[in-house]
Amino acid sequence: NICKMYYLNIIALLALTTASIFLPGVSAGAYAVATGCQGKASGDTFNCHCKTGNVHMTDDTVVFNQCDKGKKNGAFHGEKEVNSNLVTNMGMAVYSGKSTDSCGGSEKRCKCTCFDMEAVEGSVDFRTSTSKKKGKPGKVTDCLGLCGPNCEQGDGGGIRYASILIHDICQSYIRSSQAMPNFNDCSDEGWHSTGAAILSSVRNGFCPT
């Protein structure tokens, strides 16, 4: 009986392993979608599926995501203006932060970072809670969504844009303030913000590098 149970367990384990490899939508390496920033602080960063969008939120968190799968799930992106009328409590940026693919490669692995309007306005020093460098938080960045790494453009005033905000937070995660164009691990998010950067330069003044 013990031998029979042993072999049955082996068969069940093999069946589950086969399913995770061959069945669509089943992946041992995929992250779960995020469901909100409830109980989290501004800067908190964690693993999430790149398709995370506003349809997945169980609270009033507002999602910003340049990945097409996230856009289809209601995430804001591109030249969408970021202000307190849109983000009434917490926002969430979704980004890959590890490659030039904003949708996180074949397993759609991304990072999600929570933020509040104080980080957007620049009244606090913002950084991601973790980074690519083990044991280190992200690099400080200010005025999320404003062109440039800090608050130089328009003396910190002006309109903030979704795609620039995503790029700013991604840059914090990889601990970089390298200006676009570049080919670092946030460059795909950066190229997606080209339109917003042009619009920001027109409406907010020269974009600092």
N, C-alpha and C. Protein backbone atom coordinates (compact mmCIF):
# COMPACT_ATOMS: atom_id res chain seq x y z
N ASN A 1 0.81 -1.20 0.00
CA ASN A 1 0.00 0.00 0.00
C ASN A 1 0.85 1.26 0.00
N ILE A 2 1.93 1.24 0.79
CA ILE A 2 2.82 2.40 0.84
C ILE A 2 3.46 2.62 -0.53
N CYS A 3 3.89 1.53 -1.17
CA CYS A 3 4.50 1.64 -2.50
C CYS A 3 3.50 2.19 -3.51
N LYS A 4 2.25 1.69 -3.40
CA LYS A 4 1.22 2.16 -4.33
C LYS A 4 0.97 3.65 -4.17
N MET A 5 0.89 4.13 -2.93
CA MET A 5 0.69 5.55 -2.66
C MET A 5 1.86 6.37 -3.19
N TYR A 6 3.08 5.84 -3.03
CA TYR A 6 4.28 6.53 -3.50
C TYR A 6 4.22 6.75 -5.01
N TYR A 7 3.89 5.69 -5.74
CA TYR A 7 3.83 5.80 -7.20
C TYR A 7 2.70 6.71 -7.66
N LEU A 8 1.58 6.70 -6.94
CA LEU A 8 0.47 7.59 -7.30
C LEU A 8 0.87 9.05 -7.11
N ASN A 9 1.62 9.33 -6.04
CA ASN A 9 2.10 10.70 -5.80
C ASN A 9 3.07 11.14 -6.89
N ILE A 10 3.95 10.22 -7.31
CA ILE A 10 4.89 10.54 -8.39
C ILE A 10 4.14 10.86 -9.68
N ILE A 11 3.11 10.09 -9.99
CA ILE A 11 2.31 10.32 -11.21
C ILE A 11 1.60 11.67 -11.14
N ALA A 12 1.04 12.00 -9.96
CA ALA A 12 0.35 13.28 -9.80
C ALA A 12 1.31 14.44 -9.97
N LEU A 13 2.52 14.31 -9.42
CA LEU A 13 3.52 15.37 -9.54
C LEU A 13 3.93 15.57 -10.99
N LEU A 14 4.12 14.47 -11.72
CA LEU A 14 4.48 14.56 -13.13
C LEU A 14 3.37 15.22 -13.95
N ALA A 15 2.12 14.92 -13.60
CA ALA A 15 0.98 15.52 -14.30
C ALA A 15 0.93 17.03 -14.10
N LEU A 16 1.18 17.47 -12.86
CA LEU A 16 1.18 18.91 -12.57
C LEU A 16 2.31 19.62 -13.28
N THR A 17 3.49 18.99 -13.31
CA THR A 17 4.64 19.58 -13.98
C THR A 17 4.38 19.71 -15.47
N THR A 18 3.80 18.66 -16.07
CA THR A 18 3.48 18.70 -17.50
C THR A 18 2.48 19.80 -17.79
N ALA A 19 1.49 19.97 -16.94
CA ALA A 19 0.47 21.01 -17.15
C ALA A 19 1.09 22.39 -17.11
N SER A 20 2.02 22.62 -16.21
CA SER A 20 2.64 23.95 -16.08
C SER A 20 3.49 24.28 -17.29
N ILE A 21 3.95 23.24 -18.00
CA ILE A 21 4.79 23.48 -19.18
C ILE A 21 3.94 23.67 -20.43
N PHE A 22 2.91 22.84 -20.60
CA PHE A 22 2.20 22.81 -21.87
C PHE A 22 0.86 23.52 -21.90
N LEU A 23 0.19 23.66 -20.77
CA LEU A 23 -1.12 24.29 -20.80
C LEU A 23 -1.00 25.80 -20.90
N PRO A 24 -1.79 26.45 -21.79
CA PRO A 24 -1.75 27.91 -21.89
C PRO A 24 -2.23 28.57 -20.62
N GLY A 25 -1.57 29.67 -20.23
CA GLY A 25 -2.00 30.42 -19.06
C GLY A 25 -1.49 29.86 -17.74
N VAL A 26 -0.78 28.73 -17.80
CA VAL A 26 -0.23 28.16 -16.58
C VAL A 26 1.28 28.26 -16.64
N SER A 27 1.88 29.04 -15.78
CA SER A 27 3.32 29.22 -15.80
C SER A 27 3.86 29.27 -14.39
N ALA A 28 4.85 28.40 -14.14
CA ALA A 28 5.43 28.36 -12.80
C ALA A 28 6.19 29.64 -12.49
N GLY A 29 6.61 30.37 -13.55
CA GLY A 29 7.41 31.56 -13.33
C GLY A 29 6.66 32.86 -13.40
N ALA A 30 5.37 32.83 -13.69
CA ALA A 30 4.60 34.07 -13.83
C ALA A 30 4.26 34.64 -12.46
N TYR A 31 4.28 35.98 -12.36
CA TYR A 31 3.88 36.65 -11.14
C TYR A 31 2.37 36.89 -11.17
N ALA A 32 1.77 37.03 -10.00
CA ALA A 32 0.34 37.35 -9.91
C ALA A 32 0.13 38.83 -10.24
N VAL A 33 -1.06 39.17 -10.72
CA VAL A 33 -1.38 40.57 -10.94
C VAL A 33 -1.49 41.26 -9.58
N ALA A 34 -1.15 42.53 -9.55
CA ALA A 34 -1.31 43.32 -8.33
C ALA A 34 -2.78 43.71 -8.20
N THR A 35 -3.22 43.91 -6.97
CA THR A 35 -4.62 44.25 -6.73
C THR A 35 -4.81 45.59 -6.02
N GLY A 36 -3.70 46.31 -5.77
CA GLY A 36 -3.83 47.62 -5.14
C GLY A 36 -2.68 47.91 -4.19
N CYS A 37 -2.68 49.12 -3.68
CA CYS A 37 -1.64 49.57 -2.75
C CYS A 37 -2.13 49.62 -1.31
N GLN A 38 -3.25 48.94 -1.04
CA GLN A 38 -3.78 48.93 0.32
C GLN A 38 -2.74 48.38 1.28
N GLY A 39 -2.51 49.10 2.38
CA GLY A 39 -1.55 48.66 3.37
C GLY A 39 -0.10 48.88 2.99
N LYS A 40 0.15 49.56 1.87
CA LYS A 40 1.51 49.81 1.41
C LYS A 40 1.84 51.30 1.47
N ALA A 41 3.13 51.59 1.57
CA ALA A 41 3.59 52.97 1.61
C ALA A 41 4.07 53.42 0.24
N SER A 42 4.17 54.72 0.06
CA SER A 42 4.72 55.27 -1.18
C SER A 42 6.16 54.79 -1.33
N GLY A 43 6.47 54.20 -2.48
CA GLY A 43 7.79 53.64 -2.73
C GLY A 43 7.86 52.14 -2.62
N ASP A 44 6.87 51.52 -1.95
CA ASP A 44 6.87 50.07 -1.81
C ASP A 44 6.87 49.41 -3.19
N THR A 45 7.78 48.48 -3.39
CA THR A 45 8.00 47.85 -4.70
C THR A 45 7.95 46.34 -4.55
N PHE A 46 7.25 45.67 -5.47
CA PHE A 46 7.06 44.23 -5.36
C PHE A 46 6.85 43.64 -6.76
N ASN A 47 6.95 42.31 -6.85
CA ASN A 47 6.76 41.62 -8.12
C ASN A 47 5.29 41.61 -8.52
N CYS A 48 5.04 41.74 -9.83
CA CYS A 48 3.67 41.66 -10.33
C CYS A 48 3.68 41.28 -11.80
N HIS A 49 2.54 40.84 -12.29
CA HIS A 49 2.38 40.50 -13.71
C HIS A 49 2.30 41.80 -14.52
N CYS A 50 2.93 41.80 -15.69
CA CYS A 50 2.97 43.01 -16.51
C CYS A 50 1.61 43.42 -17.07
N LYS A 51 0.62 42.53 -16.99
CA LYS A 51 -0.71 42.88 -17.49
C LYS A 51 -1.54 43.63 -16.46
N THR A 52 -0.96 43.90 -15.29
CA THR A 52 -1.70 44.58 -14.22
C THR A 52 -2.27 45.91 -14.72
N GLY A 53 -3.55 46.10 -14.48
CA GLY A 53 -4.23 47.33 -14.90
C GLY A 53 -5.30 47.72 -13.90
N ASN A 54 -6.04 48.75 -14.22
CA ASN A 54 -7.06 49.25 -13.30
C ASN A 54 -8.19 48.25 -13.06
N VAL A 55 -8.41 47.34 -14.00
CA VAL A 55 -9.48 46.36 -13.81
C VAL A 55 -9.17 45.39 -12.67
N HIS A 56 -7.91 45.28 -12.30
CA HIS A 56 -7.52 44.34 -11.25
C HIS A 56 -7.55 44.94 -9.84
N MET A 57 -7.73 46.25 -9.74
CA MET A 57 -7.64 46.89 -8.44
C MET A 57 -8.88 46.61 -7.59
N THR A 58 -8.63 46.31 -6.31
CA THR A 58 -9.72 46.09 -5.36
C THR A 58 -9.89 47.29 -4.43
N ASP A 59 -9.11 48.34 -4.65
CA ASP A 59 -9.26 49.59 -3.90
C ASP A 59 -9.19 50.74 -4.90
N ASP A 60 -8.89 51.94 -4.44
CA ASP A 60 -8.92 53.10 -5.34
C ASP A 60 -7.55 53.44 -5.93
N THR A 61 -6.63 52.49 -5.93
CA THR A 61 -5.32 52.68 -6.57
C THR A 61 -5.50 52.89 -8.06
N VAL A 62 -4.72 53.81 -8.62
CA VAL A 62 -4.77 54.11 -10.06
C VAL A 62 -3.48 53.59 -10.70
N VAL A 63 -3.62 52.79 -11.77
CA VAL A 63 -2.48 52.10 -12.37
C VAL A 63 -1.97 52.82 -13.62
N PHE A 64 -0.63 52.88 -13.73
CA PHE A 64 0.05 53.44 -14.90
C PHE A 64 0.97 52.36 -15.46
N ASN A 65 0.80 52.04 -16.74
CA ASN A 65 1.51 50.90 -17.31
C ASN A 65 1.64 51.10 -18.82
N GLN A 66 2.87 50.98 -19.35
CA GLN A 66 3.10 51.15 -20.78
C GLN A 66 2.96 49.84 -21.57
N CYS A 67 2.92 48.70 -20.88
CA CYS A 67 2.77 47.42 -21.57
C CYS A 67 1.38 47.33 -22.20
N ASP A 68 1.32 46.84 -23.44
CA ASP A 68 0.03 46.75 -24.15
C ASP A 68 -1.01 45.96 -23.36
N LYS A 69 -0.56 44.91 -22.69
CA LYS A 69 -1.50 44.09 -21.91
C LYS A 69 -2.07 44.89 -20.74
N GLY A 70 -1.26 45.74 -20.15
CA GLY A 70 -1.74 46.61 -19.07
C GLY A 70 -2.70 47.66 -19.59
N LYS A 71 -2.39 48.22 -20.75
CA LYS A 71 -3.27 49.22 -21.36
C LYS A 71 -4.65 48.63 -21.63
N LYS A 72 -4.68 47.38 -22.12
CA LYS A 72 -5.96 46.72 -22.40
C LYS A 72 -6.76 46.50 -21.12
N ASN A 73 -6.05 46.48 -19.99
CA ASN A 73 -6.73 46.31 -18.70
C ASN A 73 -6.97 47.63 -17.98
N GLY A 74 -6.96 48.72 -18.77
CA GLY A 74 -7.38 50.02 -18.25
C GLY A 74 -6.31 50.89 -17.64
N ALA A 75 -5.03 50.48 -17.73
CA ALA A 75 -3.96 51.29 -17.15
C ALA A 75 -3.76 52.57 -17.94
N PHE A 76 -3.44 53.66 -17.26
CA PHE A 76 -3.13 54.93 -17.92
C PHE A 76 -1.70 54.90 -18.43
N HIS A 77 -1.42 55.69 -19.47
CA HIS A 77 -0.12 55.64 -20.12
C HIS A 77 0.07 56.88 -20.99
N GLY A 78 1.20 56.94 -21.68
CA GLY A 78 1.44 57.99 -22.67
C GLY A 78 1.36 59.39 -22.11
N GLU A 79 0.56 60.23 -22.78
CA GLU A 79 0.48 61.65 -22.43
C GLU A 79 -0.64 61.95 -21.43
N LYS A 80 -1.15 60.91 -20.75
CA LYS A 80 -2.18 61.14 -19.74
C LYS A 80 -1.62 62.00 -18.62
N GLU A 81 -2.34 63.08 -18.27
CA GLU A 81 -1.88 63.97 -17.20
C GLU A 81 -2.11 63.33 -15.83
N VAL A 82 -1.11 63.43 -14.97
CA VAL A 82 -1.18 62.88 -13.62
C VAL A 82 -1.38 64.02 -12.64
N ASN A 83 -2.51 64.04 -11.96
CA ASN A 83 -2.80 65.10 -10.99
C ASN A 83 -3.69 64.55 -9.88
N SER A 84 -3.99 65.39 -8.91
CA SER A 84 -4.75 64.94 -7.74
C SER A 84 -6.21 64.63 -8.07
N ASN A 85 -6.69 65.10 -9.21
CA ASN A 85 -8.04 64.73 -9.63
C ASN A 85 -8.09 63.28 -10.10
N LEU A 86 -6.96 62.81 -10.64
CA LEU A 86 -6.87 61.43 -11.11
C LEU A 86 -6.44 60.49 -9.98
N VAL A 87 -5.36 60.85 -9.29
CA VAL A 87 -4.84 60.03 -8.19
C VAL A 87 -5.31 60.64 -6.88
N THR A 88 -6.41 60.15 -6.38
CA THR A 88 -6.99 60.71 -5.16
C THR A 88 -6.38 60.11 -3.90
N ASN A 89 -5.74 58.97 -4.02
CA ASN A 89 -5.11 58.32 -2.87
C ASN A 89 -3.72 57.81 -3.23
N MET A 90 -3.65 56.66 -3.89
CA MET A 90 -2.37 56.08 -4.27
C MET A 90 -2.37 55.72 -5.75
N GLY A 91 -1.18 55.79 -6.36
CA GLY A 91 -0.99 55.34 -7.72
C GLY A 91 -0.02 54.16 -7.73
N MET A 92 0.01 53.46 -8.86
CA MET A 92 0.90 52.31 -9.01
C MET A 92 1.52 52.33 -10.39
N ALA A 93 2.85 52.29 -10.45
CA ALA A 93 3.56 52.20 -11.73
C ALA A 93 3.99 50.76 -11.96
N VAL A 94 3.79 50.28 -13.19
CA VAL A 94 4.16 48.93 -13.58
C VAL A 94 5.24 49.02 -14.66
N TYR A 95 6.35 48.30 -14.49
CA TYR A 95 7.47 48.39 -15.42
C TYR A 95 8.32 47.13 -15.30
N SER A 96 9.14 46.84 -16.32
CA SER A 96 9.95 45.62 -16.27
C SER A 96 11.23 45.84 -15.47
N GLY A 97 11.96 46.90 -15.74
CA GLY A 97 13.15 47.22 -14.97
C GLY A 97 14.29 46.23 -15.08
N LYS A 98 14.26 45.38 -16.11
CA LYS A 98 15.34 44.40 -16.23
C LYS A 98 15.73 44.13 -17.68
N SER A 99 15.07 44.75 -18.62
CA SER A 99 15.37 44.51 -20.02
C SER A 99 14.83 45.67 -20.83
N THR A 100 14.97 45.60 -22.14
CA THR A 100 14.41 46.63 -23.01
C THR A 100 13.00 46.25 -23.46
N ASP A 101 12.36 45.35 -22.76
CA ASP A 101 10.99 44.92 -23.07
C ASP A 101 10.07 45.36 -21.94
N SER A 102 9.23 46.35 -22.20
CA SER A 102 8.37 46.89 -21.14
C SER A 102 7.32 45.90 -20.68
N CYS A 103 7.15 44.79 -21.43
CA CYS A 103 6.18 43.77 -21.03
C CYS A 103 6.85 42.57 -20.37
N GLY A 104 8.11 42.70 -19.99
CA GLY A 104 8.74 41.74 -19.11
C GLY A 104 9.12 40.39 -19.69
N GLY A 105 9.22 40.27 -21.00
CA GLY A 105 9.65 39.01 -21.60
C GLY A 105 8.54 37.97 -21.65
N SER A 106 8.91 36.72 -21.90
CA SER A 106 7.92 35.66 -22.15
C SER A 106 7.02 35.38 -20.95
N GLU A 107 7.53 35.57 -19.73
CA GLU A 107 6.73 35.29 -18.55
C GLU A 107 6.05 36.54 -18.00
N LYS A 108 6.22 37.67 -18.69
CA LYS A 108 5.55 38.93 -18.33
C LYS A 108 5.80 39.32 -16.87
N ARG A 109 7.06 39.23 -16.47
CA ARG A 109 7.44 39.59 -15.09
C ARG A 109 7.75 41.08 -15.00
N CYS A 110 7.07 41.76 -14.12
CA CYS A 110 7.28 43.19 -13.92
C CYS A 110 7.44 43.52 -12.45
N LYS A 111 7.74 44.78 -12.19
CA LYS A 111 7.73 45.34 -10.84
C LYS A 111 6.55 46.30 -10.75
N CYS A 112 5.94 46.33 -9.59
CA CYS A 112 4.91 47.33 -9.29
C CYS A 112 5.42 48.19 -8.14
N THR A 113 5.27 49.50 -8.28
CA THR A 113 5.67 50.44 -7.23
C THR A 113 4.53 51.37 -6.91
N CYS A 114 4.22 51.49 -5.63
CA CYS A 114 3.17 52.41 -5.18
C CYS A 114 3.77 53.81 -5.00
N PHE A 115 2.95 54.82 -5.23
CA PHE A 115 3.38 56.20 -5.00
C PHE A 115 2.17 57.05 -4.62
N ASP A 116 2.45 58.20 -3.99
CA ASP A 116 1.38 59.12 -3.65
C ASP A 116 1.62 60.47 -4.33
N MET A 117 0.70 61.39 -4.16
CA MET A 117 0.80 62.67 -4.86
C MET A 117 1.93 63.54 -4.31
N GLU A 118 2.38 63.30 -3.08
CA GLU A 118 3.53 64.04 -2.57
C GLU A 118 4.77 63.74 -3.41
N ALA A 119 4.90 62.49 -3.87
CA ALA A 119 6.02 62.13 -4.73
C ALA A 119 5.90 62.79 -6.10
N VAL A 120 4.66 62.91 -6.58
CA VAL A 120 4.42 63.56 -7.87
C VAL A 120 4.70 65.06 -7.76
N GLU A 121 4.27 65.66 -6.68
CA GLU A 121 4.46 67.10 -6.49
C GLU A 121 5.91 67.46 -6.16
N GLY A 122 6.68 66.50 -5.65
CA GLY A 122 8.08 66.75 -5.33
C GLY A 122 8.31 67.27 -3.93
N SER A 123 7.32 67.13 -3.06
CA SER A 123 7.47 67.64 -1.69
C SER A 123 8.23 66.66 -0.79
N VAL A 124 8.51 65.45 -1.30
CA VAL A 124 9.30 64.46 -0.57
C VAL A 124 10.31 63.83 -1.52
N ASP A 125 11.39 63.30 -0.97
CA ASP A 125 12.33 62.54 -1.79
C ASP A 125 11.76 61.14 -2.00
N PHE A 126 11.53 60.78 -3.26
CA PHE A 126 10.93 59.48 -3.56
C PHE A 126 12.01 58.49 -4.00
N ARG A 127 11.85 57.25 -3.55
CA ARG A 127 12.70 56.17 -4.06
C ARG A 127 11.95 54.86 -3.91
N THR A 128 12.28 53.90 -4.76
CA THR A 128 11.69 52.56 -4.63
C THR A 128 12.28 51.87 -3.41
N SER A 129 11.49 51.02 -2.79
CA SER A 129 11.93 50.36 -1.55
C SER A 129 13.02 49.33 -1.80
N THR A 130 13.06 48.77 -3.00
CA THR A 130 14.11 47.83 -3.41
C THR A 130 14.68 48.30 -4.75
N SER A 131 15.76 47.67 -5.17
CA SER A 131 16.37 48.05 -6.44
C SER A 131 17.07 46.85 -7.04
N LYS A 132 17.69 47.05 -8.20
CA LYS A 132 18.45 45.98 -8.84
C LYS A 132 19.69 45.61 -8.02
N LYS A 133 20.14 46.54 -7.18
CA LYS A 133 21.30 46.27 -6.34
C LYS A 133 20.82 45.66 -5.04
N LYS A 134 21.17 44.42 -4.81
CA LYS A 134 20.66 43.66 -3.66
C LYS A 134 20.92 44.40 -2.35
N GLY A 135 19.87 44.52 -1.56
CA GLY A 135 19.98 45.14 -0.25
C GLY A 135 19.98 46.65 -0.25
N LYS A 136 19.77 47.26 -1.42
CA LYS A 136 19.78 48.72 -1.53
C LYS A 136 18.43 49.22 -2.01
N PRO A 137 17.96 50.36 -1.48
CA PRO A 137 16.74 50.97 -2.05
C PRO A 137 17.07 51.64 -3.37
N GLY A 138 16.06 52.15 -4.04
CA GLY A 138 16.27 52.82 -5.31
C GLY A 138 16.94 54.18 -5.15
N LYS A 139 17.27 54.77 -6.28
CA LYS A 139 17.89 56.10 -6.30
C LYS A 139 16.80 57.15 -6.10
N VAL A 140 17.11 58.18 -5.33
CA VAL A 140 16.14 59.24 -5.08
C VAL A 140 15.81 59.98 -6.37
N THR A 141 14.53 60.20 -6.61
CA THR A 141 14.07 61.02 -7.73
C THR A 141 12.92 61.88 -7.23
N ASP A 142 12.75 63.04 -7.80
CA ASP A 142 11.72 63.97 -7.35
C ASP A 142 10.79 64.35 -8.50
N CYS A 143 9.62 64.86 -8.16
CA CYS A 143 8.66 65.36 -9.16
C CYS A 143 8.37 64.31 -10.24
N LEU A 144 7.82 63.18 -9.81
CA LEU A 144 7.49 62.11 -10.74
C LEU A 144 6.57 62.61 -11.85
N GLY A 145 6.94 62.29 -13.09
CA GLY A 145 6.13 62.70 -14.23
C GLY A 145 6.56 63.99 -14.88
N LEU A 146 7.54 64.67 -14.26
CA LEU A 146 8.08 65.90 -14.83
C LEU A 146 9.37 65.55 -15.55
N CYS A 147 9.60 66.14 -16.69
CA CYS A 147 10.76 65.82 -17.51
C CYS A 147 12.06 66.09 -16.75
N GLY A 148 13.00 65.13 -16.79
CA GLY A 148 14.26 65.26 -16.07
C GLY A 148 14.22 64.45 -14.79
N PRO A 149 15.38 64.17 -14.17
CA PRO A 149 15.43 63.29 -13.01
C PRO A 149 14.93 63.92 -11.72
N ASN A 150 14.89 65.24 -11.66
CA ASN A 150 14.46 65.90 -10.43
C ASN A 150 13.42 66.98 -10.74
N CYS A 151 13.49 68.13 -10.10
CA CYS A 151 12.44 69.14 -10.25
C CYS A 151 12.92 70.39 -10.99
N GLU A 152 13.95 70.24 -11.84
CA GLU A 152 14.50 71.42 -12.49
C GLU A 152 13.54 72.04 -13.51
N GLN A 153 12.82 71.19 -14.25
CA GLN A 153 11.94 71.72 -15.30
C GLN A 153 10.84 72.58 -14.71
N GLY A 154 10.75 73.81 -15.18
CA GLY A 154 9.71 74.72 -14.70
C GLY A 154 9.76 74.98 -13.22
N ASP A 155 10.95 74.87 -12.63
CA ASP A 155 11.12 75.06 -11.18
C ASP A 155 10.18 74.18 -10.37
N GLY A 156 9.92 72.99 -10.89
CA GLY A 156 9.09 72.03 -10.16
C GLY A 156 7.61 72.17 -10.41
N GLY A 157 7.21 73.20 -11.15
CA GLY A 157 5.80 73.35 -11.50
C GLY A 157 5.52 72.62 -12.81
N GLY A 158 4.35 72.77 -13.31
CA GLY A 158 4.04 72.18 -14.61
C GLY A 158 3.26 70.89 -14.54
N ILE A 159 2.93 70.40 -15.71
CA ILE A 159 2.08 69.22 -15.86
C ILE A 159 2.92 67.95 -15.82
N ARG A 160 2.44 66.96 -15.08
CA ARG A 160 3.10 65.66 -15.03
C ARG A 160 2.41 64.70 -16.00
N TYR A 161 3.21 63.81 -16.61
CA TYR A 161 2.67 62.89 -17.61
C TYR A 161 2.94 61.43 -17.22
N ALA A 162 1.99 60.56 -17.57
CA ALA A 162 2.02 59.16 -17.14
C ALA A 162 3.27 58.42 -17.57
N SER A 163 3.64 58.50 -18.84
CA SER A 163 4.78 57.71 -19.31
C SER A 163 6.09 58.20 -18.72
N ILE A 164 6.21 59.50 -18.47
CA ILE A 164 7.42 60.03 -17.82
C ILE A 164 7.47 59.54 -16.38
N LEU A 165 6.32 59.53 -15.70
CA LEU A 165 6.25 59.02 -14.33
C LEU A 165 6.72 57.57 -14.25
N ILE A 166 6.25 56.73 -15.17
CA ILE A 166 6.66 55.32 -15.18
C ILE A 166 8.17 55.21 -15.36
N HIS A 167 8.71 56.01 -16.30
CA HIS A 167 10.15 55.98 -16.55
C HIS A 167 10.93 56.46 -15.33
N ASP A 168 10.45 57.52 -14.68
CA ASP A 168 11.12 58.03 -13.47
C ASP A 168 11.22 56.95 -12.39
N ILE A 169 10.13 56.24 -12.16
CA ILE A 169 10.11 55.22 -11.11
C ILE A 169 10.99 54.03 -11.51
N CYS A 170 10.95 53.65 -12.78
CA CYS A 170 11.83 52.58 -13.26
C CYS A 170 13.29 52.96 -13.06
N GLN A 171 13.63 54.21 -13.37
CA GLN A 171 15.01 54.67 -13.21
C GLN A 171 15.45 54.63 -11.74
N SER A 172 14.52 54.95 -10.84
CA SER A 172 14.83 54.83 -9.42
C SER A 172 15.17 53.39 -9.08
N TYR A 173 14.37 52.45 -9.61
CA TYR A 173 14.57 51.02 -9.32
C TYR A 173 15.93 50.52 -9.81
N ILE A 174 16.37 50.97 -10.98
CA ILE A 174 17.68 50.51 -11.49
C ILE A 174 18.81 51.42 -11.02
N ARG A 175 18.48 52.40 -10.17
CA ARG A 175 19.46 53.32 -9.58
C ARG A 175 20.22 54.11 -10.66
N SER A 176 19.45 54.73 -11.55
CA SER A 176 20.06 55.49 -12.64
C SER A 176 19.36 56.84 -12.79
N SER A 177 20.13 57.84 -13.19
CA SER A 177 19.56 59.13 -13.58
C SER A 177 19.99 59.47 -15.00
N GLN A 178 20.39 58.43 -15.75
CA GLN A 178 20.86 58.61 -17.13
C GLN A 178 19.74 59.13 -18.02
N ALA A 179 20.02 60.20 -18.72
CA ALA A 179 19.00 60.83 -19.57
C ALA A 179 18.78 60.01 -20.83
N MET A 180 17.59 60.13 -21.38
CA MET A 180 17.30 59.55 -22.69
C MET A 180 17.91 60.45 -23.77
N PRO A 181 18.33 59.87 -24.94
CA PRO A 181 18.23 58.43 -25.26
C PRO A 181 19.35 57.62 -24.62
N ASN A 182 19.00 56.42 -24.19
CA ASN A 182 20.00 55.50 -23.66
C ASN A 182 19.50 54.07 -23.89
N PHE A 183 20.30 53.12 -23.50
CA PHE A 183 19.93 51.72 -23.68
C PHE A 183 20.13 50.94 -22.38
N ASN A 184 19.62 51.53 -21.29
CA ASN A 184 19.67 50.82 -20.01
C ASN A 184 18.39 50.00 -19.82
N ASP A 185 18.19 49.46 -18.62
CA ASP A 185 17.05 48.57 -18.39
C ASP A 185 15.70 49.29 -18.29
N CYS A 186 15.71 50.60 -18.44
CA CYS A 186 14.45 51.36 -18.49
C CYS A 186 14.28 52.08 -19.83
N SER A 187 15.11 51.74 -20.80
CA SER A 187 15.06 52.50 -22.06
C SER A 187 13.76 52.28 -22.82
N ASP A 188 13.16 51.10 -22.69
CA ASP A 188 11.89 50.89 -23.40
C ASP A 188 10.81 51.78 -22.83
N GLU A 189 10.76 51.88 -21.50
CA GLU A 189 9.83 52.83 -20.89
C GLU A 189 10.16 54.26 -21.31
N GLY A 190 11.48 54.53 -21.48
CA GLY A 190 11.90 55.86 -21.91
C GLY A 190 11.46 56.21 -23.32
N TRP A 191 11.63 55.26 -24.25
CA TRP A 191 11.20 55.51 -25.63
C TRP A 191 9.68 55.71 -25.70
N HIS A 192 8.95 55.01 -24.86
CA HIS A 192 7.49 55.20 -24.83
C HIS A 192 7.09 56.58 -24.32
N SER A 193 8.01 57.27 -23.65
CA SER A 193 7.68 58.59 -23.09
C SER A 193 8.13 59.74 -24.00
N THR A 194 8.59 59.41 -25.22
CA THR A 194 9.09 60.46 -26.12
C THR A 194 8.03 61.51 -26.41
N GLY A 195 6.81 61.07 -26.72
CA GLY A 195 5.73 62.02 -27.01
C GLY A 195 5.43 62.91 -25.83
N ALA A 196 5.41 62.31 -24.63
CA ALA A 196 5.14 63.09 -23.43
C ALA A 196 6.27 64.07 -23.14
N ALA A 197 7.53 63.66 -23.42
CA ALA A 197 8.67 64.54 -23.20
C ALA A 197 8.61 65.76 -24.11
N ILE A 198 8.20 65.54 -25.36
CA ILE A 198 8.05 66.66 -26.30
C ILE A 198 6.95 67.60 -25.82
N LEU A 199 5.82 67.02 -25.43
CA LEU A 199 4.70 67.81 -24.94
C LEU A 199 5.08 68.56 -23.66
N SER A 200 5.83 67.91 -22.80
CA SER A 200 6.27 68.54 -21.56
C SER A 200 7.19 69.72 -21.85
N SER A 201 8.06 69.58 -22.85
CA SER A 201 8.97 70.67 -23.23
C SER A 201 8.21 71.87 -23.77
N VAL A 202 7.15 71.59 -24.51
CA VAL A 202 6.32 72.67 -25.08
C VAL A 202 5.55 73.39 -23.97
N ARG A 203 4.98 72.62 -23.04
CA ARG A 203 4.08 73.20 -22.05
C ARG A 203 4.77 73.61 -20.75
N ASN A 204 5.90 72.94 -20.43
CA ASN A 204 6.56 73.19 -19.14
C ASN A 204 7.91 73.86 -19.26
N GLY A 205 8.43 73.98 -20.48
CA GLY A 205 9.76 74.56 -20.66
C GLY A 205 10.79 73.50 -21.00
N PHE A 206 12.01 73.92 -21.21
CA PHE A 206 13.09 73.05 -21.64
C PHE A 206 13.23 71.84 -20.73
N CYS A 207 13.40 70.67 -21.35
CA CYS A 207 13.55 69.43 -20.60
C CYS A 207 15.00 69.24 -20.20
N PRO A 208 15.34 69.30 -18.90
CA PRO A 208 16.74 69.16 -18.48
C PRO A 208 17.23 67.74 -18.65
N THR A 209 18.54 67.60 -18.80
CA THR A 209 19.14 66.26 -18.96
C THR A 209 20.07 66.00 -17.80
